[in-house]
C-alpha atoms as a PDB file:
ATOM      1  CA  MET A   1      -6.921 141.330  74.792  1.00  0.00           C
ATOM      2  CA  SER A   2      -3.922 140.045  72.880  1.00  0.00           C
ATOM      3  CA  GLY A   3      -2.661 143.428  71.703  1.00  0.00           C
ATOM      4  CA  ALA A   4      -2.111 142.079  68.194  1.00  0.00           C
ATOM      5  CA  ALA A   5      -3.066 144.518  65.482  1.00  0.00           C
ATOM      6  CA  GLU A   6      -5.486 143.451  62.790  1.00  0.00           C
ATOM      7  CA  PRO A   7      -3.850 143.192  59.358  1.00  0.00           C
ATOM      8  CA  PHE A   8      -4.690 145.977  56.935  1.00  0.00           C
ATOM      9  CA  PRO A   9      -7.534 144.902  54.596  1.00  0.00           C
ATOM     10  CA  TRP A  10      -5.613 145.390  51.341  1.00  0.00           C
ATOM     11  CA  ASP A  11      -7.913 143.140  49.293  1.00  0.00           C
ATOM     12  CA  GLU A  12     -10.972 145.187  50.280  1.00  0.00           C
ATOM     13  CA  VAL A  13      -9.222 148.510  49.695  1.00  0.00           C
ATOM     14  CA  LEU A  14      -7.981 147.456  46.275  1.00  0.00           C
ATOM     15  CA  HIS A  15     -11.393 146.138  45.284  1.00  0.00           C
ATOM     16  CA  LEU A  16     -13.240 149.294  46.387  1.00  0.00           C
ATOM     17  CA  ALA A  17     -10.727 151.734  44.919  1.00  0.00           C
ATOM     18  CA  LEU A  18     -10.474 149.995  41.565  1.00  0.00           C
ATOM     19  CA  SER A  19     -14.126 149.025  41.119  1.00  0.00           C
ATOM     20  CA  ARG A  20     -16.363 151.387  43.097  1.00  0.00           C
ATOM     21  CA  LEU A  21     -14.205 154.509  42.825  1.00  0.00           C
ATOM     22  CA  ARG A  22     -12.864 153.550  39.385  1.00  0.00           C
ATOM     23  CA  TRP A  23      -9.429 154.804  40.337  1.00  0.00           C
ATOM     24  CA  SER A  24      -6.406 153.668  38.394  1.00  0.00           C
ATOM     25  CA  PRO A  25      -3.802 151.727  40.369  1.00  0.00           C
ATOM     26  CA  ASP A  26      -1.550 154.787  40.132  1.00  0.00           C
ATOM     27  CA  ALA A  27      -4.246 157.026  41.631  1.00  0.00           C
ATOM     28  CA  LEU A  28      -4.749 154.574  44.490  1.00  0.00           C
ATOM     29  CA  TRP A  29      -1.063 154.394  45.382  1.00  0.00           C
ATOM     30  CA  ARG A  30      -0.709 158.197  45.212  1.00  0.00           C
ATOM     31  CA  ALA A  31      -3.710 158.788  47.485  1.00  0.00           C
ATOM     32  CA  THR A  32      -3.146 159.575  51.129  1.00  0.00           C
ATOM     33  CA  PRO A  33      -4.963 157.488  53.748  1.00  0.00           C
ATOM     34  CA  ARG A  34      -7.190 160.504  54.447  1.00  0.00           C
ATOM     35  CA  GLU A  35      -8.108 160.894  50.755  1.00  0.00           C
ATOM     36  CA  LEU A  36      -8.967 157.220  50.545  1.00  0.00           C
ATOM     37  CA  ALA A  37     -11.057 157.344  53.721  1.00  0.00           C
ATOM     38  CA  LEU A  38     -12.983 160.400  52.497  1.00  0.00           C
ATOM     39  CA  ALA A  39     -13.577 158.851  49.069  1.00  0.00           C
ATOM     40  CA  LEU A  40     -14.958 155.664  50.623  1.00  0.00           C
ATOM     41  CA  ALA A  41     -17.007 157.333  53.364  1.00  0.00           C
ATOM     42  CA  PRO A  42     -20.722 157.954  52.905  1.00  0.00           C
ATOM     43  CA  PRO A  43     -21.665 161.535  52.009  1.00  0.00           C
ATOM     44  CA  ALA A  44     -21.689 163.848  55.010  1.00  0.00           C
ATOM     45  CA  ARG A  45     -24.798 165.664  53.790  1.00  0.00           C
ATOM     46  CA  THR A  46     -28.240 164.541  52.819  1.00  0.00           C
ATOM     47  CA  ALA A  47     -29.634 165.108  49.357  1.00  0.00           C
ATOM     48  CA  LEU A  48     -30.943 168.541  48.458  1.00  0.00           C
ATOM     49  CA  GLU A  49     -34.657 168.766  49.182  1.00  0.00           C
ATOM     50  CA  ARG A  50     -37.227 170.857  47.334  1.00  0.00           C
ATOM     51  CA  PRO A  51     -37.146 173.945  49.619  1.00  0.00           C
ATOM     52  CA  GLY A  52     -33.381 174.196  49.189  1.00  0.00           C
ATOM     53  CA  LEU A  53     -33.713 173.763  45.439  1.00  0.00           C
ATOM     54  CA  ASP A  54     -36.349 176.514  45.314  1.00  0.00           C
ATOM     55  CA  VAL A  55     -33.979 178.898  47.121  1.00  0.00           C
ATOM     56  CA  LEU A  56     -31.161 178.120  44.690  1.00  0.00           C
ATOM     57  CA  MET A  57     -33.479 178.526  41.693  1.00  0.00           C
ATOM     58  CA  ARG A  58     -34.491 181.988  42.924  1.00  0.00           C
ATOM     59  CA  MET A  59     -30.866 182.945  43.572  1.00  0.00           C
ATOM     60  CA  PHE A  60     -29.595 181.631  40.235  1.00  0.00           C
ATOM     61  CA  PRO A  61     -32.436 181.693  37.684  1.00  0.00           C
ATOM     62  CA  ASP A  62     -31.959 180.279  34.204  1.00  0.00           C
ATOM     63  CA  ARG A  63     -31.730 183.056  31.686  1.00  0.00           C
END
């Protein structure tokens, strides 16, 4: 193990923030590392399935 740190992947971060997230450059530079990590991370939850939708529809019916 050399102990040398890997360089930060600026090219990848810029590409993802500007294209996938559609952030402006200003929004990217104002974001904290945590905000950027959360924005790029996969969703923590799975999609809503039919039983959950049925519960919500009963709780909040269209009027």
